[in-house]
Amino acid sequence: MLGDALSAWAAYTGLFVYRKEIIEQSAGVFSVDRVLSVLDERYRTGSIWVILFWIALSWLTGFYAEVYRRSRIRDLINTFALSIAGSVVLFFALILDDFVADFRDYYALFGLYLGLQFGLTASVRTIVTTFSAIRIKNREIGFPTLIVGSNQMAVDLFNELEGARKSAGFQFVGFASVNNNLKYLLGRNLPHLGEYTELETILREHGIEEVIIAIESREHDKLQAILSVLKVFPGIRIHMVPDTYDLISGQVRLESYGAPLIVIRHELMPLWQRVIKRALDVVLSLLGVIVLSPFFLFGALMVKFSSPGPIFYRQERVGINGKTFKMIKFRSMFSNAESNGPQLSSENDPRITPWGRVMRRHRLDELPQLFNVLWGEMSLVGPRPERKYYIDRIVEKAPHYRHLLKVKPGLTSWGMVKFGYAENVEEMVERLKYDIIYIENMNIMNDLKILIYTILIVFQGRGK
């Protein structure tokens, strides 16, 4: 980040001096004193804003994430594309309104700035990335790594990676077994940290950053359960030893010249889209609270006078990465509706108040969750949050439900649009497929589409 800041400052300084000294002072002798005199207050203010612009642009595009895992070639390509996009923006903001005697000076100014910005930034980034790569290859830097598997395939992989002259960055902490065999072949090389069913605890306790799945073909029935746990941890990179079909089908990516591994990517949205999604959450939910304040007041009064009990109902739900939070709703049931334990509601549930039925048809009982969105516990669009009691029962039938915990729960979802409220665990599992489809296709446009469908359901009163 410091390197990018210095590069942005140097490129802007070069542009400023060229404009003042060459374009505006085309007749005359170059003078250092004159150059220093033109670096005025306008230049200093512009420098600060330009530096902040380039830092923000790089951050939004995810450049500062996983700085020790960068590829120099990919960085050069990304830096070039970013330099063009950013330079065009700054050209219109800083240069286009300047007076020039010849329109060709615009081309010279833009070409100079793009060349300086790309050349300086790419050079500094390449130096930093090369230095990091050297430290990783020399085993000065490593990432805590877990092997899932314990048989001969895992042993062969461990020996190949540890015996390599240049390290790929794997710093092996131990292994998790996938069977109850007491004779683990990999046990001669690494400590046994537990069974695959204990993966969640192992990952948290040992700060695992890399996982390599090295299981035999006869153990592939455990693969879905393993991946369903791993994908809940967005910061963990997952690798897998490929079989012959994977090699032929082209699924193996050339990450390094070491052992061939499938890289299982689970970044659902690029950083810039995640930033926009959060910005939309804040702006639209705040706007919703202000514009819909009459409905809040009306709803609160109706709940208060329709049946005895509190206006709001707070219930513990499970959010992103398994963290719990208190979800807020307008109370739509009689008080003590769950005195006999957790129960899902049905369309003709006698526990629902008359006003509660009206609210549920128009989803008005969900309005207070706009505050959950503002506080960052929920998003406007995402899988509906469930209670841990029901999550445990869903996971028994569909282990891949854990996939939903990778994202913030939402005020509305594709599952709610296509399926609606679930009345039992079987229907929850049925609705799950729509939420999985959403997660695998997450983007801003799909969020907007779901919001539009939800608004139609609210006005048509098609909620149940």
Protein backbone atom coordinates (compact mmCIF):
# COMPACT_ATOMS: atom_id res chain seq x y z
CA MET A 1 0.00 0.00 0.00
CA LEU A 2 2.89 2.36 0.79
CA GLY A 3 4.47 1.45 -2.54
CA ASP A 4 1.23 2.22 -4.37
CA ALA A 5 0.95 5.55 -2.55
CA LEU A 6 4.50 6.58 -3.50
CA SER A 7 3.95 5.47 -7.11
CA ALA A 8 0.69 7.44 -7.35
CA TRP A 9 2.39 10.53 -5.89
CA ALA A 10 5.37 10.27 -8.26
CA ALA A 11 3.13 9.75 -11.33
CA TYR A 12 0.95 12.74 -10.42
CA THR A 13 4.02 14.88 -9.73
CA GLY A 14 5.45 13.96 -13.12
CA LEU A 15 2.17 14.87 -14.81
CA PHE A 16 1.92 18.18 -12.93
CA VAL A 17 5.51 19.21 -13.71
CA TYR A 18 5.18 18.19 -17.38
CA ARG A 19 1.98 20.22 -17.74
CA LYS A 20 3.44 23.33 -16.07
CA GLU A 21 6.97 23.11 -17.45
CA ILE A 22 6.47 21.71 -20.95
CA ILE A 23 2.87 22.40 -21.99
CA GLU A 24 2.44 25.81 -20.37
CA GLN A 25 6.11 26.89 -20.53
CA SER A 26 6.99 25.58 -23.98
CA ALA A 27 9.18 28.61 -24.64
CA GLY A 28 11.96 29.02 -22.15
CA VAL A 29 14.74 27.16 -20.35
CA PHE A 30 14.03 24.44 -17.82
CA SER A 31 14.32 25.83 -14.29
CA VAL A 32 14.31 23.84 -11.07
CA ASP A 33 13.26 26.87 -9.08
CA ARG A 34 10.29 27.43 -11.39
CA VAL A 35 9.28 23.76 -11.09
CA LEU A 36 9.36 23.98 -7.29
CA SER A 37 7.35 27.19 -7.40
CA VAL A 38 4.49 25.56 -9.35
CA LEU A 39 4.13 22.78 -6.73
CA ASP A 40 1.60 24.93 -4.97
CA GLU A 41 -1.37 24.34 -2.67
CA ARG A 42 -3.43 23.04 -5.59
CA TYR A 43 -0.75 20.45 -6.32
CA ARG A 44 -0.52 19.34 -2.68
CA THR A 45 -4.31 18.97 -2.35
CA GLY A 46 -4.48 17.13 -5.66
CA SER A 47 -1.70 14.76 -4.58
CA ILE A 48 -3.61 13.69 -1.47
CA TRP A 49 -6.82 13.03 -3.37
CA VAL A 50 -5.02 11.16 -6.17
CA ILE A 51 -3.19 8.92 -3.68
CA LEU A 52 -6.44 8.15 -1.83
CA PHE A 53 -8.14 7.43 -5.17
CA TRP A 54 -5.56 4.84 -6.24
CA ILE A 55 -5.42 3.19 -2.80
CA ALA A 56 -9.23 2.93 -2.69
CA LEU A 57 -9.36 1.55 -6.25
CA SER A 58 -6.79 -1.13 -5.46
CA TRP A 59 -8.55 -2.04 -2.22
CA LEU A 60 -11.97 -2.29 -3.91
CA THR A 61 -10.57 -4.66 -6.54
CA GLY A 62 -9.07 -6.89 -3.85
CA PHE A 63 -5.39 -6.26 -4.50
CA TYR A 64 -4.49 -5.98 -0.81
CA ALA A 65 -6.11 -9.32 0.07
CA GLU A 66 -3.82 -12.36 0.49
CA VAL A 67 -0.69 -10.34 -0.24
CA TYR A 68 1.60 -13.35 0.24
CA ARG A 69 -0.22 -15.38 -2.42
CA ARG A 70 0.14 -13.05 -5.38
CA SER A 71 1.17 -14.01 -8.92
CA ARG A 72 3.52 -11.59 -10.65
CA ILE A 73 2.13 -12.21 -14.13
CA ARG A 74 -1.47 -11.87 -12.96
CA ASP A 75 -0.54 -8.75 -10.99
CA LEU A 76 0.98 -7.13 -14.08
CA ILE A 77 -2.18 -7.79 -16.10
CA ASN A 78 -4.47 -6.54 -13.33
CA THR A 79 -2.28 -3.48 -12.68
CA PHE A 80 -2.33 -2.57 -16.37
CA ALA A 81 -6.14 -2.86 -16.56
CA LEU A 82 -6.53 -0.89 -13.34
CA SER A 83 -4.10 1.78 -14.52
CA ILE A 84 -6.07 2.32 -17.72
CA ALA A 85 -9.42 2.54 -15.90
CA GLY A 86 -8.11 4.83 -13.14
CA SER A 87 -6.17 7.07 -15.52
CA VAL A 88 -9.28 7.59 -17.68
CA VAL A 89 -11.25 8.68 -14.59
CA LEU A 90 -8.51 11.07 -13.43
CA PHE A 91 -8.02 12.37 -16.98
CA PHE A 92 -11.63 13.56 -17.07
CA ALA A 93 -11.40 14.86 -13.49
CA LEU A 94 -8.02 16.64 -13.62
CA ILE A 95 -6.85 17.20 -17.18
CA LEU A 96 -9.75 17.63 -19.58
CA ASP A 97 -10.76 21.04 -18.22
CA ASP A 98 -7.23 22.47 -18.60
CA PHE A 99 -6.56 24.93 -21.40
CA VAL A 100 -4.13 23.65 -24.05
CA ALA A 101 -3.05 25.31 -27.27
CA ASP A 102 -3.13 22.06 -29.27
CA PHE A 103 -5.61 19.21 -28.67
CA ARG A 104 -2.75 16.75 -29.22
CA ASP A 105 -1.38 17.86 -25.87
CA TYR A 106 -4.28 15.98 -24.27
CA TYR A 107 -2.98 12.73 -25.78
CA ALA A 108 0.54 13.51 -24.57
CA LEU A 109 -0.69 14.25 -21.05
CA PHE A 110 -2.80 11.09 -20.88
CA GLY A 111 -0.07 8.90 -22.37
CA LEU A 112 2.53 10.28 -19.99
CA TYR A 113 0.33 9.79 -16.94
CA LEU A 114 -0.73 6.26 -17.89
CA GLY A 115 2.89 5.31 -18.58
CA LEU A 116 4.12 6.72 -15.28
CA GLN A 117 1.28 5.29 -13.22
CA PHE A 118 1.56 1.78 -14.69
CA GLY A 119 5.34 1.72 -14.89
CA LEU A 120 5.98 2.89 -11.34
CA THR A 121 3.17 0.87 -9.72
CA ALA A 122 3.98 -2.33 -11.61
CA SER A 123 7.69 -2.01 -10.79
CA VAL A 124 7.14 -1.57 -7.06
CA ARG A 125 4.53 -4.35 -6.92
CA THR A 126 6.79 -6.75 -8.83
CA ILE A 127 9.68 -6.08 -6.45
CA VAL A 128 7.52 -6.62 -3.35
CA THR A 129 5.85 -9.75 -4.77
CA THR A 130 9.18 -11.20 -5.89
CA PHE A 131 10.67 -10.64 -2.44
CA SER A 132 7.67 -12.38 -0.83
CA ALA A 133 7.85 -15.28 -3.31
CA ILE A 134 11.53 -15.80 -2.53
CA ARG A 135 10.81 -15.92 1.21
CA ILE A 136 8.02 -18.47 0.66
CA LYS A 137 10.18 -20.67 -1.58
CA ASN A 138 12.98 -20.55 1.01
CA ARG A 139 10.47 -21.61 3.70
CA GLU A 140 10.84 -18.34 5.61
CA ILE A 141 7.07 -17.81 5.23
CA GLY A 142 4.48 -20.59 5.39
CA PHE A 143 0.75 -21.09 5.85
CA PRO A 144 -0.57 -23.49 8.53
CA THR A 145 -1.76 -26.48 6.52
CA LEU A 146 -3.95 -29.46 7.34
CA ILE A 147 -4.06 -32.68 5.33
CA VAL A 148 -7.42 -34.44 5.29
CA GLY A 149 -6.57 -38.10 4.75
CA SER A 150 -4.19 -40.59 6.28
CA ASN A 151 -3.53 -43.36 3.76
CA GLN A 152 -0.88 -43.87 1.11
CA MET A 153 -2.09 -41.03 -1.12
CA ALA A 154 -1.69 -38.58 1.76
CA VAL A 155 1.77 -39.96 2.59
CA ASP A 156 2.93 -39.66 -1.04
CA LEU A 157 1.66 -36.10 -1.29
CA PHE A 158 3.31 -35.08 1.98
CA ASN A 159 6.65 -36.56 0.91
CA GLU A 160 6.47 -34.87 -2.50
CA LEU A 161 5.67 -31.43 -1.08
CA GLU A 162 8.15 -31.63 1.81
CA GLY A 163 10.89 -33.04 -0.40
CA ALA A 164 10.57 -30.30 -3.04
CA ARG A 165 13.59 -28.02 -3.37
CA LYS A 166 11.34 -24.94 -3.37
CA SER A 167 8.45 -24.71 -0.94
CA ALA A 168 4.88 -24.07 -2.15
CA GLY A 169 4.11 -22.37 1.18
CA PHE A 170 2.50 -25.33 2.94
CA GLN A 171 3.51 -25.48 6.61
CA PHE A 172 2.01 -28.78 7.78
CA VAL A 173 0.41 -28.74 11.23
CA GLY A 174 -1.10 -32.22 11.19
CA PHE A 175 -3.76 -34.37 9.56
CA ALA A 176 -7.42 -35.30 10.03
CA SER A 177 -8.38 -38.91 9.29
CA VAL A 178 -11.51 -40.02 7.46
CA ASN A 179 -11.80 -43.52 8.90
CA ASN A 180 -11.52 -45.18 12.28
CA ASN A 181 -8.45 -47.20 11.41
CA LEU A 182 -5.98 -47.01 14.29
CA LYS A 183 -3.00 -47.48 11.95
CA TYR A 184 -2.71 -44.16 10.18
CA LEU A 185 0.11 -44.27 7.63
CA LEU A 186 0.59 -40.50 7.79
CA GLY A 187 0.96 -40.73 11.56
CA ARG A 188 4.68 -41.40 11.12
CA ASN A 189 5.12 -37.91 9.64
CA LEU A 190 2.47 -35.69 11.21
CA PRO A 191 0.37 -35.54 14.39
CA HIS A 192 -3.18 -36.85 14.22
CA LEU A 193 -5.47 -33.90 15.12
CA GLY A 194 -8.78 -35.79 14.96
CA GLU A 195 -11.44 -37.21 12.65
CA TYR A 196 -12.96 -35.35 9.70
CA THR A 197 -16.12 -34.96 11.78
CA GLU A 198 -14.09 -32.68 14.09
CA LEU A 199 -12.88 -30.44 11.26
CA GLU A 200 -14.55 -27.28 12.51
CA THR A 201 -12.80 -27.52 15.89
CA ILE A 202 -9.45 -28.42 14.31
CA LEU A 203 -9.55 -25.47 11.92
CA ARG A 204 -10.32 -22.97 14.68
CA GLU A 205 -7.88 -24.31 17.29
CA HIS A 206 -4.88 -24.54 14.96
CA GLY A 207 -5.50 -21.41 12.83
CA ILE A 208 -5.48 -23.42 9.60
CA GLU A 209 -5.13 -21.38 6.39
CA GLU A 210 -4.66 -24.19 3.83
CA VAL A 211 -6.36 -27.58 3.59
CA ILE A 212 -5.32 -30.36 1.23
CA ILE A 213 -7.85 -33.16 0.73
CA ALA A 214 -5.93 -36.36 -0.04
CA ILE A 215 -8.45 -39.17 0.28
CA GLU A 216 -8.65 -42.51 -1.49
CA SER A 217 -11.40 -43.28 -4.03
CA ARG A 218 -13.17 -45.55 -1.52
CA GLU A 219 -13.40 -42.59 0.88
CA HIS A 220 -15.11 -40.21 -1.57
CA ASP A 221 -18.46 -40.72 0.15
CA LYS A 222 -17.07 -38.47 2.90
CA LEU A 223 -16.17 -35.67 0.44
CA GLN A 224 -19.47 -33.80 0.58
CA ALA A 225 -19.43 -33.65 4.38
CA ILE A 226 -15.79 -32.46 4.35
CA LEU A 227 -16.42 -29.70 1.82
CA SER A 228 -19.61 -28.55 3.56
CA VAL A 229 -17.53 -27.75 6.67
CA LEU A 230 -14.55 -26.24 4.83
CA LYS A 231 -16.65 -23.88 2.73
CA VAL A 232 -18.03 -22.21 5.84
CA PHE A 233 -14.52 -20.77 6.44
CA PRO A 234 -14.03 -18.15 3.70
CA GLY A 235 -10.39 -17.46 4.61
CA ILE A 236 -9.24 -21.06 4.06
CA ARG A 237 -7.86 -22.17 0.69
CA ILE A 238 -8.92 -25.69 -0.26
CA HIS A 239 -6.82 -27.99 -2.45
CA MET A 240 -7.58 -31.52 -3.55
CA VAL A 241 -5.52 -34.32 -5.05
CA PRO A 242 -7.10 -34.95 -8.48
CA ASP A 243 -7.99 -38.29 -9.99
CA THR A 244 -7.53 -39.21 -13.66
CA TYR A 245 -10.91 -37.78 -14.67
CA ASP A 246 -10.08 -34.44 -13.12
CA LEU A 247 -6.80 -34.30 -15.03
CA ILE A 248 -8.43 -35.14 -18.38
CA SER A 249 -11.36 -32.75 -17.88
CA GLY A 250 -8.97 -29.84 -17.28
CA GLN A 251 -10.01 -29.06 -13.72
CA VAL A 252 -6.43 -28.96 -12.44
CA ARG A 253 -5.06 -25.40 -12.48
CA LEU A 254 -1.36 -24.65 -12.82
CA GLU A 255 -0.83 -22.84 -9.50
CA SER A 256 2.79 -23.86 -9.25
CA TYR A 257 5.22 -26.36 -10.71
CA GLY A 258 4.89 -28.67 -7.71
CA ALA A 259 2.34 -31.39 -7.10
CA PRO A 260 -0.78 -31.10 -9.30
CA LEU A 261 -3.72 -30.01 -7.14
CA ILE A 262 -7.28 -28.89 -7.78
CA VAL A 263 -7.87 -25.48 -6.22
CA ILE A 264 -11.44 -25.33 -4.96
CA ARG A 265 -12.34 -21.65 -5.06
CA HIS A 266 -15.12 -20.38 -2.85
CA GLU A 267 -14.95 -16.62 -3.16
CA LEU A 268 -18.58 -15.91 -3.94
CA MET A 269 -18.30 -12.26 -4.97
CA PRO A 270 -15.33 -10.07 -5.87
CA LEU A 271 -14.43 -7.53 -3.20
CA TRP A 272 -15.74 -4.55 -5.18
CA GLN A 273 -19.16 -6.22 -5.46
CA ARG A 274 -19.16 -7.05 -1.75
CA VAL A 275 -18.46 -3.38 -1.00
CA ILE A 276 -21.30 -2.27 -3.29
CA LYS A 277 -23.63 -4.86 -1.75
CA ARG A 278 -22.90 -3.56 1.76
CA ALA A 279 -23.30 0.05 0.59
CA LEU A 280 -26.69 -0.82 -0.93
CA ASP A 281 -27.68 -2.55 2.31
CA VAL A 282 -26.91 0.55 4.35
CA VAL A 283 -28.42 3.09 1.94
CA LEU A 284 -31.61 1.15 1.10
CA SER A 285 -32.29 -0.03 4.65
CA LEU A 286 -31.78 3.51 6.02
CA LEU A 287 -34.03 4.86 3.28
CA GLY A 288 -36.55 2.13 4.09
CA VAL A 289 -36.61 3.01 7.78
CA ILE A 290 -37.23 6.70 6.94
CA VAL A 291 -39.79 6.23 4.15
CA LEU A 292 -41.65 3.39 5.86
CA SER A 293 -41.70 5.01 9.30
CA PRO A 294 -45.52 5.50 9.09
CA PHE A 295 -45.89 1.74 8.50
CA PHE A 296 -43.58 1.07 11.46
CA LEU A 297 -45.77 3.22 13.68
CA PHE A 298 -49.00 1.76 12.33
CA GLY A 299 -47.69 -1.81 12.61
CA ALA A 300 -46.48 -1.25 16.16
CA LEU A 301 -49.85 0.15 17.26
CA MET A 302 -51.74 -2.70 15.60
CA VAL A 303 -49.56 -5.33 17.29
CA LYS A 304 -49.99 -3.59 20.64
CA PHE A 305 -53.80 -3.42 20.45
CA SER A 306 -54.41 -6.76 18.66
CA SER A 307 -53.16 -8.98 21.50
CA PRO A 308 -51.38 -8.62 24.85
CA GLY A 309 -47.61 -8.86 24.79
CA PRO A 310 -44.55 -7.02 23.49
CA ILE A 311 -44.53 -5.24 20.11
CA PHE A 312 -41.26 -6.74 18.94
CA TYR A 313 -40.15 -10.35 18.98
CA ARG A 314 -36.43 -11.06 19.28
CA GLN A 315 -35.16 -14.51 18.46
CA GLU A 316 -31.63 -15.92 18.30
CA ARG A 317 -30.67 -16.94 14.77
CA VAL A 318 -27.46 -18.23 13.21
CA GLY A 319 -25.69 -15.83 10.86
CA ILE A 320 -22.54 -15.74 8.74
CA ASN A 321 -19.80 -18.18 9.77
CA GLY A 322 -22.12 -19.64 12.42
CA LYS A 323 -22.23 -16.49 14.57
CA THR A 324 -25.52 -15.97 16.39
CA PHE A 325 -27.48 -12.72 16.58
CA LYS A 326 -30.90 -11.49 17.73
CA MET A 327 -33.28 -11.13 14.78
CA ILE A 328 -36.09 -8.57 15.27
CA LYS A 329 -39.66 -8.98 14.00
CA PHE A 330 -43.04 -7.51 14.74
CA ARG A 331 -44.73 -10.08 16.98
CA SER A 332 -47.21 -11.99 14.83
CA MET A 333 -48.12 -14.73 17.35
CA PHE A 334 -49.71 -14.78 20.76
CA SER A 335 -47.27 -14.50 23.66
CA ASN A 336 -45.58 -17.72 24.86
CA ALA A 337 -46.31 -19.36 21.49
CA GLU A 338 -43.24 -21.59 21.92
CA SER A 339 -43.72 -22.51 25.57
CA ASN A 340 -43.52 -26.18 24.53
CA GLY A 341 -40.27 -25.76 22.59
CA PRO A 342 -39.31 -24.64 19.06
CA GLN A 343 -42.10 -25.04 16.49
CA LEU A 344 -42.39 -23.99 12.87
CA SER A 345 -45.52 -22.10 11.89
CA SER A 346 -48.03 -23.31 9.31
CA GLU A 347 -50.58 -21.49 7.17
CA ASN A 348 -53.46 -22.21 9.59
CA ASP A 349 -51.38 -22.02 12.75
CA PRO A 350 -53.71 -21.10 15.66
CA ARG A 351 -50.82 -19.35 17.41
CA ILE A 352 -50.86 -16.54 14.79
CA THR A 353 -52.91 -13.49 15.72
CA PRO A 354 -55.48 -12.07 13.23
CA TRP A 355 -53.26 -9.04 12.61
CA GLY A 356 -50.28 -11.39 12.40
CA ARG A 357 -51.86 -13.13 9.40
CA VAL A 358 -52.22 -9.81 7.61
CA MET A 359 -48.60 -8.90 8.34
CA ARG A 360 -47.32 -12.28 7.14
CA ARG A 361 -49.20 -12.07 3.84
CA HIS A 362 -47.51 -8.73 3.13
CA ARG A 363 -44.25 -9.58 4.96
CA LEU A 364 -44.75 -6.53 7.20
CA ASP A 365 -43.60 -8.49 10.26
CA GLU A 366 -40.11 -8.56 8.73
CA LEU A 367 -39.75 -4.75 8.51
CA PRO A 368 -37.83 -4.34 11.82
CA GLN A 369 -35.07 -6.49 10.34
CA LEU A 370 -34.00 -3.39 8.44
CA PHE A 371 -32.22 -2.53 11.70
CA ASN A 372 -30.44 -5.92 11.62
CA VAL A 373 -29.29 -4.96 8.12
CA LEU A 374 -28.06 -1.55 9.30
CA TRP A 375 -26.12 -3.18 12.16
CA GLY A 376 -24.41 -5.52 9.68
CA GLU A 377 -25.92 -8.74 11.05
CA MET A 378 -28.01 -9.32 7.94
CA SER A 379 -28.15 -8.24 4.31
CA LEU A 380 -31.16 -7.20 2.27
CA VAL A 381 -30.74 -10.32 0.13
CA GLY A 382 -29.43 -13.65 1.39
CA PRO A 383 -30.66 -17.01 2.70
CA ARG A 384 -33.15 -16.63 5.53
CA PRO A 385 -31.51 -17.21 8.95
CA GLU A 386 -32.61 -20.23 10.97
CA ARG A 387 -32.38 -21.28 14.59
CA LYS A 388 -29.61 -23.65 15.58
CA TYR A 389 -32.23 -26.19 16.68
CA TYR A 390 -33.48 -26.52 13.10
CA ILE A 391 -30.07 -26.17 11.46
CA ASP A 392 -28.91 -29.27 13.34
CA ARG A 393 -31.92 -31.18 11.97
CA ILE A 394 -31.48 -29.89 8.43
CA VAL A 395 -27.78 -30.83 8.40
CA GLU A 396 -28.72 -34.43 9.27
CA LYS A 397 -30.67 -34.63 6.00
CA ALA A 398 -28.63 -32.17 3.90
CA PRO A 399 -25.04 -31.58 5.14
CA HIS A 400 -24.52 -29.00 2.38
CA TYR A 401 -26.79 -26.63 4.31
CA ARG A 402 -23.56 -25.36 5.92
CA HIS A 403 -22.90 -23.74 2.52
CA LEU A 404 -25.49 -21.11 3.44
CA LEU A 405 -23.46 -19.99 6.46
CA LYS A 406 -20.80 -18.57 4.13
CA VAL A 407 -22.90 -15.46 3.53
CA LYS A 408 -24.91 -13.02 5.61
CA PRO A 409 -28.53 -14.06 6.04
CA GLY A 410 -31.05 -11.86 4.29
CA LEU A 411 -34.29 -10.00 4.77
CA THR A 412 -35.45 -11.77 1.62
CA SER A 413 -34.01 -14.57 -0.52
CA TRP A 414 -34.48 -16.48 -3.74
CA GLY A 415 -35.81 -19.34 -1.61
CA MET A 416 -38.43 -17.04 -0.08
CA VAL A 417 -39.42 -15.72 -3.51
CA LYS A 418 -39.72 -19.15 -5.14
CA PHE A 419 -40.83 -21.25 -2.17
CA GLY A 420 -41.91 -19.06 0.75
CA TYR A 421 -41.96 -19.97 4.43
CA ALA A 422 -41.23 -23.60 5.32
CA GLU A 423 -43.61 -25.47 7.63
CA ASN A 424 -41.31 -28.42 8.43
CA VAL A 425 -37.73 -29.62 8.05
CA GLU A 426 -38.53 -31.39 4.77
CA GLU A 427 -39.72 -28.11 3.27
CA MET A 428 -36.62 -26.37 4.62
CA VAL A 429 -34.50 -28.90 2.73
CA GLU A 430 -36.64 -28.37 -0.38
CA ARG A 431 -36.18 -24.58 -0.16
CA LEU A 432 -32.44 -25.08 0.32
CA LYS A 433 -31.85 -25.74 -3.39
CA TYR A 434 -33.03 -22.24 -4.29
CA ASP A 435 -30.67 -20.68 -1.75
CA ILE A 436 -27.77 -22.78 -3.06
CA ILE A 437 -28.55 -21.57 -6.60
CA TYR A 438 -28.46 -17.99 -5.32
CA ILE A 439 -25.14 -18.44 -3.51
CA GLU A 440 -23.50 -20.01 -6.55
CA ASN A 441 -24.69 -17.08 -8.71
CA MET A 442 -24.27 -14.18 -6.29
CA ASN A 443 -23.98 -10.78 -7.93
CA ILE A 444 -25.48 -7.32 -7.59
CA MET A 445 -27.90 -7.75 -10.50
CA ASN A 446 -29.41 -10.91 -9.00
CA ASP A 447 -29.84 -9.10 -5.68
CA LEU A 448 -31.76 -6.32 -7.40
CA LYS A 449 -33.93 -8.86 -9.22
CA ILE A 450 -34.80 -10.63 -5.95
CA LEU A 451 -35.66 -7.30 -4.30
CA ILE A 452 -38.03 -6.44 -7.17
CA TYR A 453 -39.75 -9.86 -6.93
CA THR A 454 -40.07 -9.40 -3.16
CA ILE A 455 -41.68 -5.97 -3.58
CA LEU A 456 -44.24 -7.52 -5.96
CA ILE A 457 -45.03 -10.26 -3.40
CA VAL A 458 -45.49 -7.63 -0.67
CA PHE A 459 -47.92 -5.54 -2.73
CA GLN A 460 -49.82 -8.60 -4.01
CA GLY A 461 -50.04 -10.13 -0.52
CA ARG A 462 -48.78 -13.50 -1.77
CA GLY A 463 -46.68 -14.22 1.33
CA LYS A 464 -47.81 -17.00 3.67
